[in-house]
């Protein structure tokens, strides 16, 4: 009996659970149906209202676009820049115009201009602008061009030079282009004979008649050049060994009789019409002797700028240059004048001069520049020298010599480095100097706006005494 009652209650409970689930499902379906009917009614009502028209028009497409449709075209492809230059030098390009070695010709214009022809060449180089400027300043001076004007120290302006009937303008940009390239232009024109032979303005004091007391042969706009050789066109075998760019420098100094050499160590000093063995390495004693002799000969009429030779009573500044040394008076005189580093100046503790050792480039500049500037050398560092000169090996220059190297740069076209070595991005400070190179460094003493050359000294000696 109890089992029957329990079974009936269990059946009733399960039935009520099924009914509850069914009721919930029916209620949800009814609610969804009611919401759908309400939404449909609302939309139908809006269709007949005034606001529905405004809403429809605001969302509709612009009828003007149907009449004048806009066509969206793809942007044109970027034009590739042709980096391969096809420009070539004109067939009649004057060979006497120097060409920068690390530059690419990118444009030639003006070839169709009437006579006198004006042609412009545009160049591009990866070198800094100061390297280009130094190259042309040096090469124009070497090749006997007359420099009419030059850029400022900041690189502004143009370098203008003339020679015979040719006029050349090198236009330099003071800043490099993005990407590291430098652009510069060379304009040249051939002047008519009438223009070439007409009197030109006198831009240099060197054209004036020399006097017994020579005056500086250069101004800020011109660079002194060696004397024209009075000899025949035939060059002797010994002279032909001298590099062509240095030949006239050596000739002028030989005429002044300052390049005296000894055939042997014990022989007396000899003076020849030209420098013997010009490509032989010069010793430190030879250069010291020439330095004193050249300075005193060029400043023969200005005793205040002469170097006094040491006397026998002087205490030797160097242990390896005793009073009995044949070059004692010159070497000791340079030390006592403070021109060369010694224990007397306190700039070095080295008591040896090493007179017969080869003269290096940095030592030559260290000894010579003080006689140009006649003042204390400026402070310098590797970065300063590298920025000014563009030397790749600036870090190899002795810290003491770097002061003279930097000061030499400030002398412009009259810098010893430019006159002796020409354009270079490698100074090679430890490299030995030849006799001809040493002589070239002694051809001029002074700074740009005041100084004298061996040419001035020869002209002064040729004038009759007054």
Protein backbone atom coordinates (compact mmCIF):
# COMPACT_ATOMS: atom_id res chain seq x y z
CA UNK A 1 0.00 0.00 0.00
CA UNK A 2 2.82 2.32 0.86
CA UNK A 3 4.52 1.53 -2.44
CA UNK A 4 1.45 2.47 -4.41
CA UNK A 5 1.10 5.79 -2.61
CA UNK A 6 4.78 6.64 -3.16
CA UNK A 7 4.61 5.76 -6.81
CA UNK A 8 1.56 7.98 -7.39
CA UNK A 9 3.23 10.99 -5.68
CA UNK A 10 6.37 10.58 -7.72
CA UNK A 11 4.33 10.51 -10.93
CA UNK A 12 2.46 13.66 -9.95
CA UNK A 13 5.73 15.47 -9.18
CA UNK A 14 7.23 14.64 -12.57
CA UNK A 15 4.07 15.75 -14.34
CA UNK A 16 4.09 19.11 -12.62
CA UNK A 17 7.78 19.66 -13.65
CA UNK A 18 6.98 19.01 -17.31
CA UNK A 19 4.04 21.39 -17.17
CA UNK A 20 6.25 24.15 -15.65
CA UNK A 21 8.86 23.85 -18.40
CA UNK A 22 6.23 23.95 -21.11
CA UNK A 23 4.63 27.05 -19.58
CA UNK A 24 7.94 28.94 -19.59
CA UNK A 25 8.58 28.11 -23.22
CA UNK A 26 5.10 29.26 -24.22
CA UNK A 27 5.51 32.54 -22.32
CA UNK A 28 8.82 33.37 -24.07
CA UNK A 29 7.34 32.67 -27.46
CA UNK A 30 4.39 34.93 -26.72
CA UNK A 31 6.62 37.78 -25.58
CA UNK A 32 8.75 37.57 -28.75
CA UNK A 33 5.69 37.58 -30.91
CA UNK A 34 4.29 40.63 -29.10
CA UNK A 35 7.57 42.59 -29.52
CA UNK A 36 7.70 41.81 -33.22
CA UNK A 37 4.15 43.03 -33.70
CA UNK A 38 4.94 46.28 -31.82
CA UNK A 39 8.06 46.93 -33.89
CA UNK A 40 6.19 46.36 -37.14
CA UNK A 41 3.47 48.71 -36.05
CA UNK A 42 5.98 51.41 -35.15
CA UNK A 43 7.72 51.20 -38.51
CA UNK A 44 4.41 51.28 -40.34
CA UNK A 45 3.37 54.33 -38.38
CA UNK A 46 6.61 56.16 -39.20
CA UNK A 47 6.20 55.53 -42.88
CA UNK A 48 3.18 57.82 -42.91
CA UNK A 49 4.68 60.59 -40.70
CA UNK A 50 6.32 63.83 -41.96
CA UNK A 51 9.54 63.03 -40.11
CA UNK A 52 10.00 59.83 -42.07
CA UNK A 53 10.36 61.85 -45.31
CA UNK A 54 13.19 63.99 -43.87
CA UNK A 55 14.96 60.95 -42.54
CA UNK A 56 14.74 59.24 -45.91
CA UNK A 57 16.12 62.30 -47.76
CA UNK A 58 19.04 62.74 -45.30
CA UNK A 59 20.17 59.18 -45.88
CA UNK A 60 19.67 59.19 -49.64
CA UNK A 61 22.61 59.65 -52.10
CA UNK A 62 23.36 63.15 -53.50
CA UNK A 63 21.48 63.42 -56.83
CA UNK A 64 24.35 65.62 -58.21
CA UNK A 65 26.65 62.68 -57.94
CA UNK A 66 24.47 60.75 -60.33
CA UNK A 67 24.73 63.54 -62.89
CA UNK A 68 28.52 64.21 -62.47
CA UNK A 69 30.12 61.08 -61.10
CA UNK A 70 33.62 61.50 -59.64
CA UNK A 71 36.25 59.20 -61.02
CA UNK A 72 38.95 58.23 -58.51
CA UNK A 73 42.14 57.53 -60.43
CA UNK A 74 45.26 55.84 -59.07
CA UNK A 75 48.18 58.17 -58.25
CA UNK A 76 50.86 58.23 -60.94
CA UNK A 77 53.90 56.09 -60.20
CA UNK A 78 56.96 57.92 -58.85
CA UNK A 79 59.59 58.66 -61.44
CA UNK A 80 62.85 56.93 -60.69
CA UNK A 81 65.91 59.12 -60.48
CA UNK A 82 68.66 58.11 -62.81
CA UNK A 83 71.87 58.19 -60.84
CA UNK A 84 74.04 57.15 -63.75
CA UNK A 85 75.52 60.34 -65.18
CA UNK A 86 75.90 60.44 -68.95
CA UNK A 87 77.47 63.91 -69.09
CA UNK A 88 80.80 64.15 -70.88
CA UNK A 89 83.43 66.83 -71.09
CA UNK A 90 83.19 69.08 -74.16
CA UNK A 91 85.56 67.99 -76.96
CA UNK A 92 87.43 71.30 -76.76
CA UNK A 93 87.69 71.35 -72.95
CA UNK A 94 90.92 73.20 -71.99
CA UNK A 95 93.38 70.69 -70.59
CA UNK A 96 95.03 73.34 -68.43
CA UNK A 97 91.97 73.46 -66.15
CA UNK A 98 92.58 71.05 -63.25
CA UNK A 99 89.90 68.43 -62.60
CA UNK A 100 89.09 67.24 -59.12
CA UNK A 101 89.97 63.51 -59.04
CA UNK A 102 87.07 62.25 -56.91
CA UNK A 103 84.19 63.98 -58.69
CA UNK A 104 81.52 62.95 -61.21
CA UNK A 105 80.37 65.22 -64.01
CA UNK A 106 76.57 65.46 -63.84
CA UNK A 107 75.70 68.27 -66.27
CA UNK A 108 77.23 70.37 -69.07
CA UNK A 109 75.52 73.56 -70.23
CA UNK A 110 76.28 76.60 -72.35
CA UNK A 111 78.09 74.87 -75.20
CA UNK A 112 75.87 76.60 -77.74
CA UNK A 113 76.61 80.10 -76.45
CA UNK A 114 78.16 82.48 -79.00
CA UNK A 115 81.80 83.44 -78.80
CA UNK A 116 83.32 84.08 -76.37
CA UNK A 117 81.97 80.73 -75.28
CA UNK A 118 80.76 80.33 -71.68
CA UNK A 119 80.49 76.74 -70.51
CA UNK A 120 79.32 75.48 -67.12
CA UNK A 121 80.20 72.05 -65.73
CA UNK A 122 78.32 70.76 -62.69
CA UNK A 123 80.15 68.19 -60.59
CA UNK A 124 79.32 66.00 -57.62
CA UNK A 125 81.74 64.53 -55.11
CA UNK A 126 81.55 62.56 -51.87
CA UNK A 127 84.41 64.61 -50.42
CA UNK A 128 83.78 67.60 -48.11
CA UNK A 129 83.67 71.06 -49.66
CA UNK A 130 86.91 72.17 -48.00
CA UNK A 131 88.81 69.38 -49.78
CA UNK A 132 87.54 70.64 -53.14
CA UNK A 133 88.44 74.23 -52.26
CA UNK A 134 91.94 73.27 -51.10
CA UNK A 135 92.55 71.27 -54.28
CA UNK A 136 91.71 74.12 -56.66
CA UNK A 137 93.53 76.74 -54.60
CA UNK A 138 96.66 74.61 -54.68
CA UNK A 139 96.44 73.54 -58.31
CA UNK A 140 95.81 77.06 -59.64
CA UNK A 141 98.84 78.28 -57.74
CA UNK A 142 100.98 75.43 -58.99
CA UNK A 143 100.02 75.89 -62.60
CA UNK A 144 100.77 79.62 -62.60
CA UNK A 145 97.17 80.81 -62.74
CA UNK A 146 96.44 84.30 -61.48
CA UNK A 147 93.91 84.02 -58.67
CA UNK A 148 91.57 86.99 -58.94
CA UNK A 149 89.39 86.15 -55.94
CA UNK A 150 88.86 83.30 -53.53
CA UNK A 151 86.09 82.17 -51.14
CA UNK A 152 85.94 83.43 -47.59
CA UNK A 153 87.10 81.33 -44.65
CA UNK A 154 83.47 80.21 -44.21
CA UNK A 155 83.38 78.90 -47.80
CA UNK A 156 81.21 81.69 -49.20
CA UNK A 157 81.91 83.02 -52.68
CA UNK A 158 83.77 81.65 -55.68
CA UNK A 159 87.35 80.95 -56.65
CA UNK A 160 88.17 82.92 -59.81
CA UNK A 161 91.42 82.43 -61.73
CA UNK A 162 92.74 83.57 -65.11
CA UNK A 163 95.51 82.35 -67.36
CA UNK A 164 96.29 83.55 -70.88
CA UNK A 165 92.86 84.07 -72.50
CA UNK A 166 91.04 81.70 -70.15
CA UNK A 167 88.91 82.65 -67.14
CA UNK A 168 87.67 79.98 -64.72
CA UNK A 169 85.20 80.31 -61.85
CA UNK A 170 84.81 77.49 -59.32
CA UNK A 171 81.55 77.95 -57.40
CA UNK A 172 81.47 76.10 -54.09
CA UNK A 173 78.57 75.40 -51.78
CA UNK A 174 79.33 76.08 -48.09
CA UNK A 175 77.25 73.07 -46.98
CA UNK A 176 76.98 69.50 -48.14
CA UNK A 177 73.80 68.05 -49.56
CA UNK A 178 71.82 65.48 -47.61
CA UNK A 179 73.39 62.11 -48.26
CA UNK A 180 76.97 63.30 -47.98
CA UNK A 181 77.53 64.59 -51.53
CA UNK A 182 79.02 67.96 -52.44
CA UNK A 183 78.08 69.81 -55.61
CA UNK A 184 80.25 72.44 -57.25
CA UNK A 185 80.35 74.14 -60.63
CA UNK A 186 83.15 75.16 -62.97
CA UNK A 187 82.42 78.02 -65.38
CA UNK A 188 85.01 78.81 -68.00
CA UNK A 189 85.18 81.16 -70.94
CA UNK A 190 87.78 82.08 -73.50
CA UNK A 191 88.20 85.82 -73.74
CA UNK A 192 88.84 87.53 -77.04
CA UNK A 193 92.42 88.67 -77.77
CA UNK A 194 91.39 92.30 -77.39
CA UNK A 195 90.14 91.68 -73.89
CA UNK A 196 93.11 89.54 -73.00
CA UNK A 197 95.67 92.15 -74.08
CA UNK A 198 93.95 95.12 -72.49
CA UNK A 199 95.44 96.43 -69.23
CA UNK A 200 94.06 94.64 -66.19
CA UNK A 201 93.55 96.13 -62.72
CA UNK A 202 96.56 95.70 -60.51
CA UNK A 203 95.48 93.36 -57.70
CA UNK A 204 98.92 92.54 -56.39
CA UNK A 205 101.78 94.47 -54.96
CA UNK A 206 104.17 92.15 -56.77
CA UNK A 207 103.59 93.98 -60.04
CA UNK A 208 105.07 97.17 -58.62
CA UNK A 209 108.72 97.93 -59.18
CA UNK A 210 110.78 96.30 -56.43
CA UNK A 211 112.71 98.54 -54.08
CA UNK A 212 115.77 98.04 -51.93
CA UNK A 213 113.46 97.15 -49.06
CA UNK A 214 111.13 94.47 -50.55
CA UNK A 215 107.48 94.64 -49.63
CA UNK A 216 105.05 91.73 -49.41
CA UNK A 217 104.46 90.41 -52.89
CA UNK A 218 100.94 89.25 -52.27
CA UNK A 219 97.61 90.59 -51.19
CA UNK A 220 94.58 88.76 -49.91
CA UNK A 221 93.44 88.21 -53.47
CA UNK A 222 96.62 86.97 -55.10
CA UNK A 223 99.23 84.34 -54.43
CA UNK A 224 102.93 84.93 -55.14
CA UNK A 225 104.42 82.67 -57.78
CA UNK A 226 108.03 81.66 -58.38
CA UNK A 227 110.20 83.65 -60.78
CA UNK A 228 110.09 82.72 -64.44
CA UNK A 229 113.27 80.91 -65.33
CA UNK A 230 115.74 83.01 -67.30
CA UNK A 231 117.51 79.93 -68.55
CA UNK A 232 116.96 78.25 -71.86
CA UNK A 233 114.02 75.96 -72.33
CA UNK A 234 116.36 73.02 -72.18
CA UNK A 235 116.33 71.65 -68.63
CA UNK A 236 119.49 70.03 -67.33
CA UNK A 237 119.46 66.42 -66.34
CA UNK A 238 119.84 67.34 -62.67
CA UNK A 239 116.97 69.84 -62.79
CA UNK A 240 114.73 67.31 -64.51
CA UNK A 241 114.93 65.15 -61.39
CA UNK A 242 113.12 67.85 -59.42
CA UNK A 243 109.31 67.53 -59.51
CA UNK A 244 107.97 70.07 -61.97
CA UNK A 245 105.75 71.77 -59.37
CA UNK A 246 108.77 72.40 -57.11
CA UNK A 247 111.37 73.20 -59.77
CA UNK A 248 111.10 76.98 -59.72
CA UNK A 249 110.98 77.16 -55.93
CA UNK A 250 114.29 75.31 -55.85
CA UNK A 251 115.73 77.54 -58.59
CA UNK A 252 114.92 80.76 -56.71
CA UNK A 253 116.47 79.49 -53.47
CA UNK A 254 119.51 78.19 -55.33
CA UNK A 255 120.09 81.69 -56.71
CA UNK A 256 119.96 83.02 -53.17
CA UNK A 257 122.70 80.49 -52.30
CA UNK A 258 120.93 79.16 -49.23
CA UNK A 259 120.78 75.47 -50.22
CA UNK A 260 124.35 74.63 -49.30
CA UNK A 261 125.24 70.95 -48.97
CA UNK A 262 128.30 68.87 -48.16
CA UNK A 263 129.43 66.15 -50.53
CA UNK A 264 130.87 64.32 -47.52
CA UNK A 265 130.52 64.77 -43.77
CA UNK A 266 133.94 66.37 -43.42
CA UNK A 267 133.75 68.49 -46.57
CA UNK A 268 133.06 72.19 -46.66
CA UNK A 269 129.67 73.57 -47.63
CA UNK A 270 129.18 73.84 -51.38
CA UNK A 271 126.82 76.02 -53.36
CA UNK A 272 125.69 74.82 -56.79
CA UNK A 273 123.56 76.40 -59.50
CA UNK A 274 120.92 73.81 -58.71
CA UNK A 275 120.17 71.46 -55.85
CA UNK A 276 122.17 68.20 -56.08
CA UNK A 277 120.26 64.96 -55.54
CA UNK A 278 116.92 66.76 -55.06
CA UNK A 279 115.01 63.57 -54.24
CA UNK A 280 117.43 62.51 -51.52
CA UNK A 281 116.04 62.52 -47.97
CA UNK A 282 117.02 65.71 -46.16
CA UNK A 283 118.51 65.42 -42.69
CA UNK A 284 117.50 67.43 -39.65
CA UNK A 285 120.84 69.30 -39.64
CA UNK A 286 120.52 70.25 -43.32
CA UNK A 287 117.03 71.66 -42.86
CA UNK A 288 118.06 73.61 -39.75
CA UNK A 289 120.95 75.13 -41.72
CA UNK A 290 118.72 76.02 -44.69
CA UNK A 291 115.97 77.38 -42.42
CA UNK A 292 118.30 79.92 -40.84
CA UNK A 293 119.95 80.85 -44.15
CA UNK A 294 116.67 81.26 -46.06
CA UNK A 295 115.02 83.34 -43.32
CA UNK A 296 118.04 85.66 -43.02
CA UNK A 297 118.46 86.05 -46.79
CA UNK A 298 114.79 86.80 -47.45
CA UNK A 299 114.71 89.27 -44.55
CA UNK A 300 118.13 90.67 -45.39
CA UNK A 301 116.88 94.25 -45.04
CA UNK A 302 114.84 93.57 -41.89
CA UNK A 303 117.25 92.61 -39.15
CA UNK A 304 114.51 92.44 -36.54
CA UNK A 305 113.25 89.26 -38.23
CA UNK A 306 116.60 87.57 -38.65
CA UNK A 307 117.74 84.63 -36.53
CA UNK A 308 120.92 85.26 -34.59
CA UNK A 309 123.59 82.57 -34.93
CA UNK A 310 124.87 81.15 -31.67
CA UNK A 311 128.36 82.00 -30.48
CA UNK A 312 130.99 79.67 -29.07
CA UNK A 313 130.30 80.78 -25.50
CA UNK A 314 126.73 79.42 -25.67
CA UNK A 315 125.97 76.34 -23.60
CA UNK A 316 124.85 73.59 -26.03
CA UNK A 317 121.13 72.92 -25.85
CA UNK A 318 121.59 69.40 -27.23
CA UNK A 319 124.08 66.83 -26.04
CA UNK A 320 124.72 65.52 -29.58
CA UNK A 321 125.41 68.97 -31.09
CA UNK A 322 128.57 70.20 -29.39
CA UNK A 323 130.29 73.48 -30.09
CA UNK A 324 132.60 71.68 -32.51
CA UNK A 325 129.72 70.56 -34.72
CA UNK A 326 129.83 72.39 -38.10
CA UNK A 327 126.14 73.31 -37.78
CA UNK A 328 126.24 74.24 -34.09
CA UNK A 329 125.68 77.95 -34.68
CA UNK A 330 122.49 77.39 -36.72
CA UNK A 331 120.97 74.62 -34.59
CA UNK A 332 121.84 76.34 -31.31
CA UNK A 333 120.55 79.64 -32.71
CA UNK A 334 117.16 78.10 -33.52
CA UNK A 335 116.96 76.61 -30.03
CA UNK A 336 117.87 79.89 -28.34
CA UNK A 337 115.26 81.71 -30.44
CA UNK A 338 112.64 79.17 -29.31
CA UNK A 339 111.90 78.16 -32.90
CA UNK A 340 112.63 74.47 -32.34
CA UNK A 341 111.67 72.55 -29.17
CA UNK A 342 114.54 72.10 -26.72
CA UNK A 343 115.30 71.99 -23.03
CA UNK A 344 115.69 75.76 -23.19
CA UNK A 345 112.03 76.28 -24.13
CA UNK A 346 110.84 73.59 -21.73
CA UNK A 347 108.73 72.02 -24.48
CA UNK A 348 110.72 68.80 -24.47
CA UNK A 349 112.91 66.86 -22.08
CA UNK A 350 114.81 65.27 -24.93
CA UNK A 351 118.41 66.48 -24.82
CA UNK A 352 119.28 65.00 -28.19
CA UNK A 353 118.76 66.70 -31.54
CA UNK A 354 119.62 63.69 -33.78
CA UNK A 355 121.13 65.91 -36.49
CA UNK A 356 121.69 63.18 -39.04
CA UNK A 357 118.23 61.60 -38.69
CA UNK A 358 115.73 62.08 -41.56
CA UNK A 359 113.47 65.11 -41.33
CA UNK A 360 109.78 64.14 -41.11
CA UNK A 361 106.84 66.11 -42.45
CA UNK A 362 105.44 66.98 -39.05
CA UNK A 363 108.85 68.15 -37.80
CA UNK A 364 109.35 70.38 -40.86
CA UNK A 365 105.99 72.09 -40.26
CA UNK A 366 106.71 72.36 -36.51
CA UNK A 367 109.97 74.25 -37.20
CA UNK A 368 108.82 76.36 -40.15
CA UNK A 369 105.40 77.69 -39.09
CA UNK A 370 106.67 79.71 -36.09
CA UNK A 371 108.76 81.76 -38.55
CA UNK A 372 105.59 82.42 -40.58
CA UNK A 373 103.23 83.43 -37.79
CA UNK A 374 105.87 84.97 -35.48
CA UNK A 375 103.62 84.23 -32.52
CA UNK A 376 102.69 81.45 -30.13
CA UNK A 377 101.09 78.50 -31.87
CA UNK A 378 97.38 77.97 -31.15
CA UNK A 379 96.05 75.07 -29.15
CA UNK A 380 94.86 72.19 -31.29
CA UNK A 381 93.34 68.75 -31.12
CA UNK A 382 92.85 65.89 -33.54
CA UNK A 383 89.27 66.83 -34.38
CA UNK A 384 90.22 70.43 -35.12
CA UNK A 385 92.99 69.39 -37.52
CA UNK A 386 90.75 66.84 -39.20
CA UNK A 387 87.92 69.34 -39.63
CA UNK A 388 90.17 71.99 -41.21
CA UNK A 389 92.46 69.88 -43.38
CA UNK A 390 90.33 66.78 -43.89
CA UNK A 391 93.32 64.54 -43.12
CA UNK A 392 92.31 60.91 -42.67
CA UNK A 393 95.41 60.26 -40.57
CA UNK A 394 95.11 63.29 -38.28
CA UNK A 395 95.27 61.03 -35.23
CA UNK A 396 98.84 60.05 -36.16
CA UNK A 397 100.14 63.63 -35.92
CA UNK A 398 102.16 64.41 -32.79
CA UNK A 399 100.18 66.59 -30.38
CA UNK A 400 102.88 69.29 -30.41
CA UNK A 401 103.15 69.29 -34.21
CA UNK A 402 99.36 69.42 -34.62
CA UNK A 403 99.42 73.01 -33.34
CA UNK A 404 101.70 74.03 -36.21
CA UNK A 405 99.66 72.02 -38.72
CA UNK A 406 96.48 73.83 -37.66
CA UNK A 407 98.18 77.24 -37.78
CA UNK A 408 99.52 76.46 -41.25
CA UNK A 409 95.95 75.95 -42.52
CA UNK A 410 95.10 79.54 -41.61
CA UNK A 411 97.69 80.73 -44.13
CA UNK A 412 95.39 79.83 -47.02
CA UNK A 413 97.11 79.26 -50.37
CA UNK A 414 100.44 80.21 -48.80
CA UNK A 415 100.32 77.27 -46.37
CA UNK A 416 103.51 75.23 -46.44
CA UNK A 417 101.59 71.96 -46.70
CA UNK A 418 99.75 73.13 -49.82
CA UNK A 419 102.89 74.54 -51.45
CA UNK A 420 105.03 71.47 -50.78
CA UNK A 421 102.62 68.54 -50.99
CA UNK A 422 99.74 69.93 -53.04
CA UNK A 423 96.28 68.52 -52.50
CA UNK A 424 96.20 65.53 -50.19
CA UNK A 425 93.86 63.92 -47.67
CA UNK A 426 96.77 62.01 -46.09
CA UNK A 427 99.41 64.04 -44.29
CA UNK A 428 101.65 61.04 -43.50
CA UNK A 429 103.31 62.92 -40.59
CA UNK A 430 106.12 60.40 -40.08
CA UNK A 431 107.15 60.29 -43.74
CA UNK A 432 110.61 61.61 -44.58
CA UNK A 433 111.00 64.84 -46.57
CA UNK A 434 113.13 65.18 -49.71
CA UNK A 435 115.57 67.99 -50.34
CA UNK A 436 113.31 69.50 -53.01
CA UNK A 437 110.28 69.44 -50.70
CA UNK A 438 112.28 71.04 -47.90
CA UNK A 439 113.43 73.80 -50.26
CA UNK A 440 109.84 74.51 -51.38
CA UNK A 441 108.78 75.07 -47.77
CA UNK A 442 111.47 77.77 -47.43
CA UNK A 443 110.42 79.76 -50.50
CA UNK A 444 107.99 81.98 -48.54
CA UNK A 445 108.00 83.38 -45.00
CA UNK A 446 105.03 85.15 -43.45
CA UNK A 447 101.24 85.14 -43.45
CA UNK A 448 98.80 85.97 -46.21
CA UNK A 449 98.67 89.74 -45.96
CA UNK A 450 102.32 90.26 -45.06
CA UNK A 451 105.33 88.21 -45.96
CA UNK A 452 108.23 87.83 -48.38
CA UNK A 453 109.29 85.19 -50.87
CA UNK A 454 112.61 84.18 -52.39
CA UNK A 455 111.43 85.92 -55.56
CA UNK A 456 111.13 89.22 -53.66
CA UNK A 457 114.61 88.79 -52.21
CA UNK A 458 116.11 88.19 -55.69
CA UNK A 459 114.39 91.28 -57.07
CA UNK A 460 115.66 93.35 -54.16
CA UNK A 461 119.23 92.14 -54.69
CA UNK A 462 119.03 93.06 -58.39
CA UNK A 463 118.26 96.70 -57.60
CA UNK A 464 121.18 99.13 -57.42
CA UNK A 465 121.99 100.43 -53.96
CA UNK A 466 120.59 103.87 -53.25
